[in-house]
């Protein structure tokens, strides 16, 4: 959030904080949420990089376009397993997965 907007909200009596604070997530829970969001973003980027539509990715996974949309939207009902299956179905490999995990390490540092 921009600093000017934050100041304006605080002046109006609003409190600002993080999603972790609001949801009272443990460190491990927060890390899992961050990892899922990174992977969701990686699915979207990889799908686009490989020139696939959501429908084409769904066909590769024997799933539906709406399920791919839920994956890419970070829907909480989507399992980590399904996110990973979608990631690999885009044509991404272990090297791309290593890059996602290295992004996670950079965020934690």
PDB file of N, CA and C in Angstrom:
ATOM      1  N   UNK A   1       0.845  -1.169   0.000  1.00  0.00           N
ATOM      2  CA  UNK A   1       0.000   0.000   0.000  1.00  0.00           C
ATOM      3  C   UNK A   1       0.893   1.235   0.000  1.00  0.00           C
ATOM      4  N   UNK A   2       0.481   2.224  -0.758  1.00  0.00           N
ATOM      5  CA  UNK A   2       1.259   3.455  -0.827  1.00  0.00           C
ATOM      6  C   UNK A   2       1.223   4.170   0.518  1.00  0.00           C
ATOM      7  N   UNK A   3       2.334   4.833   0.842  1.00  0.00           N
ATOM      8  CA  UNK A   3       2.475   5.512   2.125  1.00  0.00           C
ATOM      9  C   UNK A   3       1.410   6.595   2.315  1.00  0.00           C
ATOM     10  N   UNK A   4       1.078   7.296   1.239  1.00  0.00           N
ATOM     11  CA  UNK A   4       0.076   8.364   1.362  1.00  0.00           C
ATOM     12  C   UNK A   4      -1.297   7.792   1.705  1.00  0.00           C
ATOM     13  N   UNK A   5      -1.636   6.678   1.064  1.00  0.00           N
ATOM     14  CA  UNK A   5      -2.923   6.049   1.348  1.00  0.00           C
ATOM     15  C   UNK A   5      -2.950   5.507   2.769  1.00  0.00           C
ATOM     16  N   UNK A   6      -1.845   4.916   3.205  1.00  0.00           N
ATOM     17  CA  UNK A   6      -1.747   4.392   4.561  1.00  0.00           C
ATOM     18  C   UNK A   6      -1.934   5.504   5.590  1.00  0.00           C
ATOM     19  N   UNK A   7      -1.286   6.635   5.385  1.00  0.00           N
ATOM     20  CA  UNK A   7      -1.419   7.765   6.304  1.00  0.00           C
ATOM     21  C   UNK A   7      -2.850   8.274   6.351  1.00  0.00           C
ATOM     22  N   UNK A   8      -3.480   8.337   5.194  1.00  0.00           N
ATOM     23  CA  UNK A   8      -4.860   8.812   5.112  1.00  0.00           C
ATOM     24  C   UNK A   8      -5.795   7.871   5.877  1.00  0.00           C
ATOM     25  N   UNK A   9      -5.604   6.569   5.715  1.00  0.00           N
ATOM     26  CA  UNK A   9      -6.443   5.597   6.423  1.00  0.00           C
ATOM     27  C   UNK A   9      -6.216   5.652   7.930  1.00  0.00           C
ATOM     28  N   UNK A  10      -4.950   5.765   8.327  1.00  0.00           N
ATOM     29  CA  UNK A  10      -4.643   5.847   9.757  1.00  0.00           C
ATOM     30  C   UNK A  10      -5.211   7.116  10.368  1.00  0.00           C
ATOM     31  N   UNK A  11      -5.184   8.214   9.631  1.00  0.00           N
ATOM     32  CA  UNK A  11      -5.754   9.472  10.114  1.00  0.00           C
ATOM     33  C   UNK A  11      -7.267   9.353  10.301  1.00  0.00           C
ATOM     34  N   UNK A  12      -7.886   8.459   9.505  1.00  0.00           N
ATOM     35  CA  UNK A  12      -9.333   8.250   9.612  1.00  0.00           C
ATOM     36  C   UNK A  12      -9.681   7.229  10.694  1.00  0.00           C
ATOM     37  N   UNK A  13      -8.647   6.711  11.387  1.00  0.00           N
ATOM     38  CA  UNK A  13      -8.901   5.784  12.487  1.00  0.00           C
ATOM     39  C   UNK A  13      -8.706   4.311  12.163  1.00  0.00           C
ATOM     40  N   UNK A  14      -8.286   4.007  10.952  1.00  0.00           N
ATOM     41  CA  UNK A  14      -8.073   2.621  10.560  1.00  0.00           C
ATOM     42  C   UNK A  14      -6.715   2.130  11.044  1.00  0.00           C
ATOM     43  N   UNK A  15      -6.624   0.844  11.353  1.00  0.00           N
ATOM     44  CA  UNK A  15      -5.346   0.225  11.710  1.00  0.00           C
ATOM     45  C   UNK A  15      -4.844  -0.550  10.506  1.00  0.00           C
ATOM     46  N   UNK A  16      -3.550  -0.523  10.304  1.00  0.00           N
ATOM     47  CA  UNK A  16      -2.945  -1.272   9.206  1.00  0.00           C
ATOM     48  C   UNK A  16      -2.076  -2.372   9.781  1.00  0.00           C
ATOM     49  N   UNK A  17      -2.063  -3.482   9.109  1.00  0.00           N
ATOM     50  CA  UNK A  17      -1.237  -4.604   9.536  1.00  0.00           C
ATOM     51  C   UNK A  17      -1.077  -5.580   8.396  1.00  0.00           C
ATOM     52  N   UNK A  18      -0.498  -6.709   8.711  1.00  0.00           N
ATOM     53  CA  UNK A  18      -0.295  -7.728   7.691  1.00  0.00           C
ATOM     54  C   UNK A  18      -1.405  -8.766   7.764  1.00  0.00           C
ATOM     55  N   UNK A  19      -1.534  -9.529   6.688  1.00  0.00           N
ATOM     56  CA  UNK A  19      -2.509 -10.624   6.672  1.00  0.00           C
ATOM     57  C   UNK A  19      -2.152 -11.643   7.744  1.00  0.00           C
ATOM     58  N   UNK A  20      -0.858 -11.861   7.939  1.00  0.00           N
ATOM     59  CA  UNK A  20      -0.403 -12.813   8.974  1.00  0.00           C
ATOM     60  C   UNK A  20      -0.892 -12.382  10.356  1.00  0.00           C
ATOM     61  N   UNK A  21      -0.765 -11.098  10.661  1.00  0.00           N
ATOM     62  CA  UNK A  21      -1.223 -10.591  11.956  1.00  0.00           C
ATOM     63  C   UNK A  21      -2.736 -10.708  12.082  1.00  0.00           C
ATOM     64  N   UNK A  22      -3.449 -10.333  11.025  1.00  0.00           N
ATOM     65  CA  UNK A  22      -4.906 -10.350  11.052  1.00  0.00           C
ATOM     66  C   UNK A  22      -5.444 -11.770  11.231  1.00  0.00           C
ATOM     67  N   UNK A  23      -4.834 -12.716  10.533  1.00  0.00           N
ATOM     68  CA  UNK A  23      -5.294 -14.107  10.589  1.00  0.00           C
ATOM     69  C   UNK A  23      -4.658 -14.916  11.715  1.00  0.00           C
ATOM     70  N   UNK A  24      -3.722 -14.265  12.421  1.00  0.00           N
ATOM     71  CA  UNK A  24      -3.006 -14.920  13.520  1.00  0.00           C
ATOM     72  C   UNK A  24      -2.347 -16.226  13.062  1.00  0.00           C
ATOM     73  N   UNK A  25      -1.615 -16.114  11.949  1.00  0.00           N
ATOM     74  CA  UNK A  25      -0.930 -17.271  11.396  1.00  0.00           C
ATOM     75  C   UNK A  25       0.405 -17.487  12.091  1.00  0.00           C
ATOM     76  N   UNK A  26       0.758 -18.748  12.278  1.00  0.00           N
ATOM     77  CA  UNK A  26       2.093 -19.058  12.794  1.00  0.00           C
ATOM     78  C   UNK A  26       3.097 -18.800  11.673  1.00  0.00           C
ATOM     79  N   UNK A  27       4.363 -18.820  12.014  1.00  0.00           N
ATOM     80  CA  UNK A  27       5.419 -18.626  11.018  1.00  0.00           C
ATOM     81  C   UNK A  27       5.311 -19.685   9.918  1.00  0.00           C
ATOM     82  N   UNK A  28       5.065 -20.928  10.313  1.00  0.00           N
ATOM     83  CA  UNK A  28       4.964 -22.026   9.354  1.00  0.00           C
ATOM     84  C   UNK A  28       3.756 -21.850   8.436  1.00  0.00           C
ATOM     85  N   UNK A  29       2.626 -21.451   8.994  1.00  0.00           N
ATOM     86  CA  UNK A  29       1.426 -21.233   8.186  1.00  0.00           C
ATOM     87  C   UNK A  29       1.640 -20.095   7.195  1.00  0.00           C
ATOM     88  N   UNK A  30       2.279 -19.034   7.648  1.00  0.00           N
ATOM     89  CA  UNK A  30       2.547 -17.890   6.771  1.00  0.00           C
ATOM     90  C   UNK A  30       3.484 -18.299   5.638  1.00  0.00           C
ATOM     91  N   UNK A  31       4.479 -19.123   5.947  1.00  0.00           N
ATOM     92  CA  UNK A  31       5.412 -19.582   4.920  1.00  0.00           C
ATOM     93  C   UNK A  31       4.695 -20.461   3.896  1.00  0.00           C
ATOM     94  N   UNK A  32       3.773 -21.298   4.339  1.00  0.00           N
ATOM     95  CA  UNK A  32       3.017 -22.152   3.428  1.00  0.00           C
ATOM     96  C   UNK A  32       2.144 -21.308   2.499  1.00  0.00           C
ATOM     97  N   UNK A  33       1.497 -20.297   3.050  1.00  0.00           N
ATOM     98  CA  UNK A  33       0.669 -19.402   2.228  1.00  0.00           C
ATOM     99  C   UNK A  33       1.540 -18.703   1.188  1.00  0.00           C
ATOM    100  N   UNK A  34       2.703 -18.204   1.600  1.00  0.00           N
ATOM    101  CA  UNK A  34       3.605 -17.530   0.670  1.00  0.00           C
ATOM    102  C   UNK A  34       4.065 -18.482  -0.429  1.00  0.00           C
ATOM    103  N   UNK A  35       4.384 -19.721  -0.057  1.00  0.00           N
ATOM    104  CA  UNK A  35       4.827 -20.704  -1.035  1.00  0.00           C
ATOM    105  C   UNK A  35       3.725 -21.003  -2.040  1.00  0.00           C
ATOM    106  N   UNK A  36       2.505 -21.206  -1.557  1.00  0.00           N
ATOM    107  CA  UNK A  36       1.388 -21.481  -2.463  1.00  0.00           C
ATOM    108  C   UNK A  36       1.181 -20.314  -3.426  1.00  0.00           C
ATOM    109  N   UNK A  37       1.272 -19.093  -2.928  1.00  0.00           N
ATOM    110  CA  UNK A  37       1.087 -17.933  -3.795  1.00  0.00           C
ATOM    111  C   UNK A  37       2.194 -17.824  -4.839  1.00  0.00           C
ATOM    112  N   UNK A  38       3.429 -18.144  -4.450  1.00  0.00           N
ATOM    113  CA  UNK A  38       4.521 -18.152  -5.415  1.00  0.00           C
ATOM    114  C   UNK A  38       4.292 -19.206  -6.489  1.00  0.00           C
ATOM    115  N   UNK A  39       3.836 -20.388  -6.076  1.00  0.00           N
ATOM    116  CA  UNK A  39       3.587 -21.460  -7.033  1.00  0.00           C
ATOM    117  C   UNK A  39       2.421 -21.130  -7.958  1.00  0.00           C
ATOM    118  N   UNK A  40       1.391 -20.521  -7.407  1.00  0.00           N
ATOM    119  CA  UNK A  40       0.245 -20.107  -8.218  1.00  0.00           C
ATOM    120  C   UNK A  40       0.710 -19.118  -9.292  1.00  0.00           C
ATOM    121  N   UNK A  41       1.533 -18.174  -8.899  1.00  0.00           N
ATOM    122  CA  UNK A  41       2.070 -17.206  -9.852  1.00  0.00           C
ATOM    123  C   UNK A  41       2.947 -17.901 -10.885  1.00  0.00           C
ATOM    124  N   UNK A  42       3.711 -18.900 -10.438  1.00  0.00           N
ATOM    125  CA  UNK A  42       4.582 -19.647 -11.351  1.00  0.00           C
ATOM    126  C   UNK A  42       3.760 -20.422 -12.375  1.00  0.00           C
ATOM    127  N   UNK A  43       2.626 -20.973 -11.968  1.00  0.00           N
ATOM    128  CA  UNK A  43       1.744 -21.679 -12.907  1.00  0.00           C
ATOM    129  C   UNK A  43       1.284 -20.705 -13.991  1.00  0.00           C
ATOM    130  N   UNK A  44       0.808 -19.558 -13.582  1.00  0.00           N
ATOM    131  CA  UNK A  44       0.305 -18.566 -14.537  1.00  0.00           C
ATOM    132  C   UNK A  44       1.415 -18.125 -15.506  1.00  0.00           C
ATOM    133  N   UNK A  45       2.584 -17.804 -14.956  1.00  0.00           N
ATOM    134  CA  UNK A  45       3.687 -17.355 -15.802  1.00  0.00           C
ATOM    135  C   UNK A  45       4.128 -18.452 -16.769  1.00  0.00           C
ATOM    136  N   UNK A  46       4.230 -19.680 -16.277  1.00  0.00           N
ATOM    137  CA  UNK A  46       4.670 -20.792 -17.116  1.00  0.00           C
ATOM    138  C   UNK A  46       3.643 -21.098 -18.201  1.00  0.00           C
ATOM    139  N   UNK A  47       2.376 -21.044 -17.843  1.00  0.00           N
ATOM    140  CA  UNK A  47       1.320 -21.286 -18.839  1.00  0.00           C
ATOM    141  C   UNK A  47       1.430 -20.271 -19.971  1.00  0.00           C
ATOM    142  N   UNK A  48       1.600 -19.013 -19.605  1.00  0.00           N
ATOM    143  CA  UNK A  48       1.707 -17.956 -20.624  1.00  0.00           C
ATOM    144  C   UNK A  48       3.000 -18.098 -21.437  1.00  0.00           C
ATOM    145  N   UNK A  49       4.092 -18.418 -20.750  1.00  0.00           N
ATOM    146  CA  UNK A  49       5.385 -18.585 -21.414  1.00  0.00           C
ATOM    147  C   UNK A  49       5.314 -19.684 -22.475  1.00  0.00           C
ATOM    148  N   UNK A  50       4.594 -20.741 -22.160  1.00  0.00           N
ATOM    149  CA  UNK A  50       4.472 -21.861 -23.088  1.00  0.00           C
ATOM    150  C   UNK A  50       3.295 -21.701 -24.062  1.00  0.00           C
ATOM    151  N   UNK A  51       2.653 -20.535 -24.025  1.00  0.00           N
ATOM    152  CA  UNK A  51       1.601 -20.211 -24.982  1.00  0.00           C
ATOM    153  C   UNK A  51       0.336 -21.040 -24.844  1.00  0.00           C
ATOM    154  N   UNK A  52       0.020 -21.406 -23.613  1.00  0.00           N
ATOM    155  CA  UNK A  52      -1.174 -22.217 -23.361  1.00  0.00           C
ATOM    156  C   UNK A  52      -2.315 -21.362 -22.837  1.00  0.00           C
ATOM    157  N   UNK A  53      -3.510 -21.673 -23.272  1.00  0.00           N
ATOM    158  CA  UNK A  53      -4.693 -21.055 -22.665  1.00  0.00           C
ATOM    159  C   UNK A  53      -5.054 -21.876 -21.426  1.00  0.00           C
ATOM    160  N   UNK A  54      -5.940 -21.339 -20.617  1.00  0.00           N
ATOM    161  CA  UNK A  54      -6.408 -22.092 -19.460  1.00  0.00           C
ATOM    162  C   UNK A  54      -7.104 -23.377 -19.906  1.00  0.00           C
ATOM    163  N   UNK A  55      -7.827 -23.300 -20.999  1.00  0.00           N
ATOM    164  CA  UNK A  55      -8.532 -24.477 -21.517  1.00  0.00           C
ATOM    165  C   UNK A  55      -7.545 -25.549 -21.970  1.00  0.00           C
ATOM    166  N   UNK A  56      -6.490 -25.131 -22.649  1.00  0.00           N
ATOM    167  CA  UNK A  56      -5.483 -26.092 -23.107  1.00  0.00           C
ATOM    168  C   UNK A  56      -4.770 -26.756 -21.929  1.00  0.00           C
ATOM    169  N   UNK A  57      -4.455 -25.975 -20.904  1.00  0.00           N
ATOM    170  CA  UNK A  57      -3.831 -26.551 -19.715  1.00  0.00           C
ATOM    171  C   UNK A  57      -4.789 -27.517 -19.032  1.00  0.00           C
ATOM    172  N   UNK A  58      -6.049 -27.150 -18.975  1.00  0.00           N
ATOM    173  CA  UNK A  58      -7.057 -28.027 -18.369  1.00  0.00           C
ATOM    174  C   UNK A  58      -7.137 -29.351 -19.118  1.00  0.00           C
ATOM    175  N   UNK A  59      -7.087 -29.298 -20.435  1.00  0.00           N
ATOM    176  CA  UNK A  59      -7.137 -30.531 -21.230  1.00  0.00           C
ATOM    177  C   UNK A  59      -5.935 -31.417 -20.944  1.00  0.00           C
ATOM    178  N   UNK A  60      -4.756 -30.806 -20.789  1.00  0.00           N
ATOM    179  CA  UNK A  60      -3.556 -31.574 -20.458  1.00  0.00           C
ATOM    180  C   UNK A  60      -3.709 -32.290 -19.112  1.00  0.00           C
ATOM    181  N   UNK A  61      -4.418 -31.631 -18.192  1.00  0.00           N
ATOM    182  CA  UNK A  61      -4.581 -32.178 -16.846  1.00  0.00           C
ATOM    183  C   UNK A  61      -5.840 -33.031 -16.697  1.00  0.00           C
ATOM    184  N   UNK A  62      -6.625 -33.111 -17.784  1.00  0.00           N
ATOM    185  CA  UNK A  62      -7.928 -33.789 -17.728  1.00  0.00           C
ATOM    186  C   UNK A  62      -8.791 -33.171 -16.624  1.00  0.00           C
ATOM    187  N   UNK A  63      -8.847 -31.844 -16.680  1.00  0.00           N
ATOM    188  CA  UNK A  63      -9.591 -31.052 -15.702  1.00  0.00           C
ATOM    189  C   UNK A  63     -10.453 -30.059 -16.467  1.00  0.00           C
ATOM    190  N   UNK A  64     -10.877 -29.009 -15.785  1.00  0.00           N
ATOM    191  CA  UNK A  64     -11.712 -27.992 -16.418  1.00  0.00           C
ATOM    192  C   UNK A  64     -11.021 -26.627 -16.393  1.00  0.00           C
ATOM    193  N   UNK A  65     -11.453 -25.775 -17.306  1.00  0.00           N
ATOM    194  CA  UNK A  65     -10.902 -24.420 -17.359  1.00  0.00           C
ATOM    195  C   UNK A  65     -11.188 -23.686 -16.060  1.00  0.00           C
ATOM    196  N   UNK A  66     -12.358 -23.893 -15.488  1.00  0.00           N
ATOM    197  CA  UNK A  66     -12.703 -23.183 -14.245  1.00  0.00           C
ATOM    198  C   UNK A  66     -11.777 -23.609 -13.106  1.00  0.00           C
ATOM    199  N   UNK A  67     -11.327 -24.859 -13.123  1.00  0.00           N
ATOM    200  CA  UNK A  67     -10.392 -25.317 -12.084  1.00  0.00           C
ATOM    201  C   UNK A  67      -9.044 -24.630 -12.244  1.00  0.00           C
ATOM    202  N   UNK A  68      -8.613 -24.461 -13.500  1.00  0.00           N
ATOM    203  CA  UNK A  68      -7.358 -23.746 -13.760  1.00  0.00           C
ATOM    204  C   UNK A  68      -7.492 -22.301 -13.299  1.00  0.00           C
ATOM    205  N   UNK A  69      -8.636 -21.692 -13.555  1.00  0.00           N
ATOM    206  CA  UNK A  69      -8.875 -20.318 -13.097  1.00  0.00           C
ATOM    207  C   UNK A  69      -8.786 -20.247 -11.579  1.00  0.00           C
ATOM    208  N   UNK A  70      -9.335 -21.245 -10.888  1.00  0.00           N
ATOM    209  CA  UNK A  70      -9.243 -21.269  -9.422  1.00  0.00           C
ATOM    210  C   UNK A  70      -7.802 -21.414  -8.959  1.00  0.00           C
ATOM    211  N   UNK A  71      -7.036 -22.256  -9.655  1.00  0.00           N
ATOM    212  CA  UNK A  71      -5.616 -22.409  -9.314  1.00  0.00           C
ATOM    213  C   UNK A  71      -4.921 -21.063  -9.437  1.00  0.00           C
ATOM    214  N   UNK A  72      -5.101 -20.412 -10.573  1.00  0.00           N
ATOM    215  CA  UNK A  72      -4.413 -19.146 -10.839  1.00  0.00           C
ATOM    216  C   UNK A  72      -4.902 -18.009  -9.948  1.00  0.00           C
ATOM    217  N   UNK A  73      -6.113 -18.131  -9.427  1.00  0.00           N
ATOM    218  CA  UNK A  73      -6.635 -17.105  -8.518  1.00  0.00           C
ATOM    219  C   UNK A  73      -6.189 -17.347  -7.081  1.00  0.00           C
ATOM    220  N   UNK A  74      -5.541 -18.481  -6.829  1.00  0.00           N
ATOM    221  CA  UNK A  74      -5.093 -18.784  -5.471  1.00  0.00           C
ATOM    222  C   UNK A  74      -6.235 -19.199  -4.564  1.00  0.00           C
ATOM    223  N   UNK A  75      -7.258 -19.793  -5.132  1.00  0.00           N
ATOM    224  CA  UNK A  75      -8.409 -20.243  -4.348  1.00  0.00           C
ATOM    225  C   UNK A  75      -7.943 -21.189  -3.236  1.00  0.00           C
ATOM    226  N   UNK A  76      -8.373 -20.955  -2.005  1.00  0.00           N
ATOM    227  CA  UNK A  76      -7.906 -21.793  -0.889  1.00  0.00           C
ATOM    228  C   UNK A  76      -8.357 -23.246  -0.969  1.00  0.00           C
ATOM    229  N   UNK A  77      -9.352 -23.556  -1.798  1.00  0.00           N
ATOM    230  CA  UNK A  77      -9.807 -24.934  -1.921  1.00  0.00           C
ATOM    231  C   UNK A  77      -8.869 -25.772  -2.787  1.00  0.00           C
ATOM    232  N   UNK A  78      -7.922 -25.122  -3.455  1.00  0.00           N
ATOM    233  CA  UNK A  78      -6.991 -25.821  -4.344  1.00  0.00           C
ATOM    234  C   UNK A  78      -5.812 -26.348  -3.527  1.00  0.00           C
ATOM    235  N   UNK A  79      -5.547 -27.636  -3.680  1.00  0.00           N
ATOM    236  CA  UNK A  79      -4.462 -28.268  -2.916  1.00  0.00           C
ATOM    237  C   UNK A  79      -3.099 -27.942  -3.527  1.00  0.00           C
ATOM    238  N   UNK A  80      -2.094 -28.069  -2.703  1.00  0.00           N
ATOM    239  CA  UNK A  80      -0.722 -27.880  -3.147  1.00  0.00           C
ATOM    240  C   UNK A  80      -0.391 -28.912  -4.236  1.00  0.00           C
ATOM    241  N   UNK A  81      -0.916 -30.121  -4.080  1.00  0.00           N
ATOM    242  CA  UNK A  81      -0.717 -31.178  -5.065  1.00  0.00           C
ATOM    243  C   UNK A  81      -1.245 -30.749  -6.435  1.00  0.00           C
ATOM    244  N   UNK A  82      -2.439 -30.194  -6.486  1.00  0.00           N
ATOM    245  CA  UNK A  82      -3.034 -29.772  -7.757  1.00  0.00           C
ATOM    246  C   UNK A  82      -2.248 -28.614  -8.375  1.00  0.00           C
ATOM    247  N   UNK A  83      -1.782 -27.704  -7.545  1.00  0.00           N
ATOM    248  CA  UNK A  83      -0.966 -26.590  -8.045  1.00  0.00           C
ATOM    249  C   UNK A  83       0.295 -27.130  -8.700  1.00  0.00           C
ATOM    250  N   UNK A  84       0.940 -28.104  -8.046  1.00  0.00           N
ATOM    251  CA  UNK A  84       2.160 -28.688  -8.598  1.00  0.00           C
ATOM    252  C   UNK A  84       1.877 -29.445  -9.895  1.00  0.00           C
ATOM    253  N   UNK A  85       0.781 -30.186  -9.944  1.00  0.00           N
ATOM    254  CA  UNK A  85       0.418 -30.898 -11.173  1.00  0.00           C
ATOM    255  C   UNK A  85       0.220 -29.909 -12.317  1.00  0.00           C
ATOM    256  N   UNK A  86      -0.442 -28.800 -12.031  1.00  0.00           N
ATOM    257  CA  UNK A  86      -0.668 -27.777 -13.057  1.00  0.00           C
ATOM    258  C   UNK A  86       0.652 -27.176 -13.515  1.00  0.00           C
ATOM    259  N   UNK A  87       1.533 -26.920 -12.573  1.00  0.00           N
ATOM    260  CA  UNK A  87       2.841 -26.339 -12.895  1.00  0.00           C
ATOM    261  C   UNK A  87       3.600 -27.239 -13.867  1.00  0.00           C
ATOM    262  N   UNK A  88       3.671 -28.517 -13.564  1.00  0.00           N
ATOM    263  CA  UNK A  88       4.393 -29.436 -14.435  1.00  0.00           C
ATOM    264  C   UNK A  88       3.660 -29.677 -15.749  1.00  0.00           C
ATOM    265  N   UNK A  89       2.340 -29.611 -15.740  1.00  0.00           N
ATOM    266  CA  UNK A  89       1.560 -29.794 -16.971  1.00  0.00           C
ATOM    267  C   UNK A  89       1.769 -28.651 -17.960  1.00  0.00           C
ATOM    268  N   UNK A  90       2.223 -27.507 -17.481  1.00  0.00           N
ATOM    269  CA  UNK A  90       2.512 -26.393 -18.391  1.00  0.00           C
ATOM    270  C   UNK A  90       3.731 -26.672 -19.254  1.00  0.00           C
ATOM    271  N   UNK A  91       4.523 -27.659 -18.841  1.00  0.00           N
ATOM    272  CA  UNK A  91       5.775 -27.937 -19.539  1.00  0.00           C
ATOM    273  C   UNK A  91       6.971 -27.519 -18.730  1.00  0.00           C
ATOM    274  N   UNK A  92       6.728 -26.959 -17.556  1.00  0.00           N
ATOM    275  CA  UNK A  92       7.818 -26.561 -16.671  1.00  0.00           C
ATOM    276  C   UNK A  92       8.486 -27.818 -16.107  1.00  0.00           C
ATOM    277  N   UNK A  93       9.746 -27.677 -15.792  1.00  0.00           N
ATOM    278  CA  UNK A  93      10.497 -28.795 -15.244  1.00  0.00           C
ATOM    279  C   UNK A  93      11.122 -28.458 -13.904  1.00  0.00           C
ATOM    280  N   UNK A  94      12.049 -29.288 -13.528  1.00  0.00           N
ATOM    281  CA  UNK A  94      12.704 -29.120 -12.221  1.00  0.00           C
ATOM    282  C   UNK A  94      13.483 -27.820 -12.111  1.00  0.00           C
ATOM    283  N   UNK A  95      14.088 -27.386 -13.217  1.00  0.00           N
ATOM    284  CA  UNK A  95      14.853 -26.132 -13.173  1.00  0.00           C
ATOM    285  C   UNK A  95      13.944 -24.949 -12.845  1.00  0.00           C
ATOM    286  N   UNK A  96      12.774 -24.923 -13.463  1.00  0.00           N
ATOM    287  CA  UNK A  96      11.814 -23.844 -13.171  1.00  0.00           C
ATOM    288  C   UNK A  96      11.355 -23.925 -11.716  1.00  0.00           C
ATOM    289  N   UNK A  97      11.158 -25.150 -11.230  1.00  0.00           N
ATOM    290  CA  UNK A  97      10.752 -25.313  -9.829  1.00  0.00           C
ATOM    291  C   UNK A  97      11.850 -24.822  -8.892  1.00  0.00           C
ATOM    292  N   UNK A  98      13.088 -25.086  -9.238  1.00  0.00           N
ATOM    293  CA  UNK A  98      14.212 -24.598  -8.434  1.00  0.00           C
ATOM    294  C   UNK A  98      14.199 -23.071  -8.375  1.00  0.00           C
ATOM    295  N   UNK A  99      13.862 -22.439  -9.509  1.00  0.00           N
ATOM    296  CA  UNK A  99      13.799 -20.972  -9.522  1.00  0.00           C
ATOM    297  C   UNK A  99      12.701 -20.455  -8.594  1.00  0.00           C
ATOM    298  N   UNK A 100      11.560 -21.144  -8.579  1.00  0.00           N
ATOM    299  CA  UNK A 100      10.466 -20.743  -7.677  1.00  0.00           C
ATOM    300  C   UNK A 100      10.932 -20.837  -6.236  1.00  0.00           C
ATOM    301  N   UNK A 101      11.600 -21.941  -5.901  1.00  0.00           N
ATOM    302  CA  UNK A 101      12.069 -22.110  -4.530  1.00  0.00           C
ATOM    303  C   UNK A 101      13.173 -21.121  -4.185  1.00  0.00           C
ATOM    304  N   UNK A 102      13.986 -20.754  -5.154  1.00  0.00           N
ATOM    305  CA  UNK A 102      15.017 -19.758  -4.870  1.00  0.00           C
ATOM    306  C   UNK A 102      14.376 -18.392  -4.619  1.00  0.00           C
ATOM    307  N   UNK A 103      13.237 -18.108  -5.283  1.00  0.00           N
ATOM    308  CA  UNK A 103      12.496 -16.878  -5.004  1.00  0.00           C
ATOM    309  C   UNK A 103      11.990 -16.886  -3.562  1.00  0.00           C
ATOM    310  N   UNK A 104      11.550 -18.063  -3.104  1.00  0.00           N
ATOM    311  CA  UNK A 104      11.065 -18.212  -1.734  1.00  0.00           C
ATOM    312  C   UNK A 104      12.185 -17.931  -0.748  1.00  0.00           C
ATOM    313  N   UNK A 105      13.374 -18.451  -1.036  1.00  0.00           N
ATOM    314  CA  UNK A 105      14.520 -18.242  -0.156  1.00  0.00           C
ATOM    315  C   UNK A 105      14.895 -16.762  -0.084  1.00  0.00           C
ATOM    316  N   UNK A 106      14.819 -16.067  -1.224  1.00  0.00           N
ATOM    317  CA  UNK A 106      15.129 -14.642  -1.244  1.00  0.00           C
ATOM    318  C   UNK A 106      14.143 -13.861  -0.384  1.00  0.00           C
ATOM    319  N   UNK A 107      12.864 -14.269  -0.415  1.00  0.00           N
ATOM    320  CA  UNK A 107      11.850 -13.586   0.376  1.00  0.00           C
ATOM    321  C   UNK A 107      12.083 -13.798   1.859  1.00  0.00           C
ATOM    322  N   UNK A 108      12.542 -14.989   2.233  1.00  0.00           N
ATOM    323  CA  UNK A 108      12.749 -15.316   3.645  1.00  0.00           C
ATOM    324  C   UNK A 108      13.974 -14.623   4.213  1.00  0.00           C
ATOM    325  N   UNK A 109      14.926 -14.300   3.346  1.00  0.00           N
ATOM    326  CA  UNK A 109      16.183 -13.686   3.811  1.00  0.00           C
ATOM    327  C   UNK A 109      16.015 -12.249   4.212  1.00  0.00           C
TER     328      UNK A 109
END
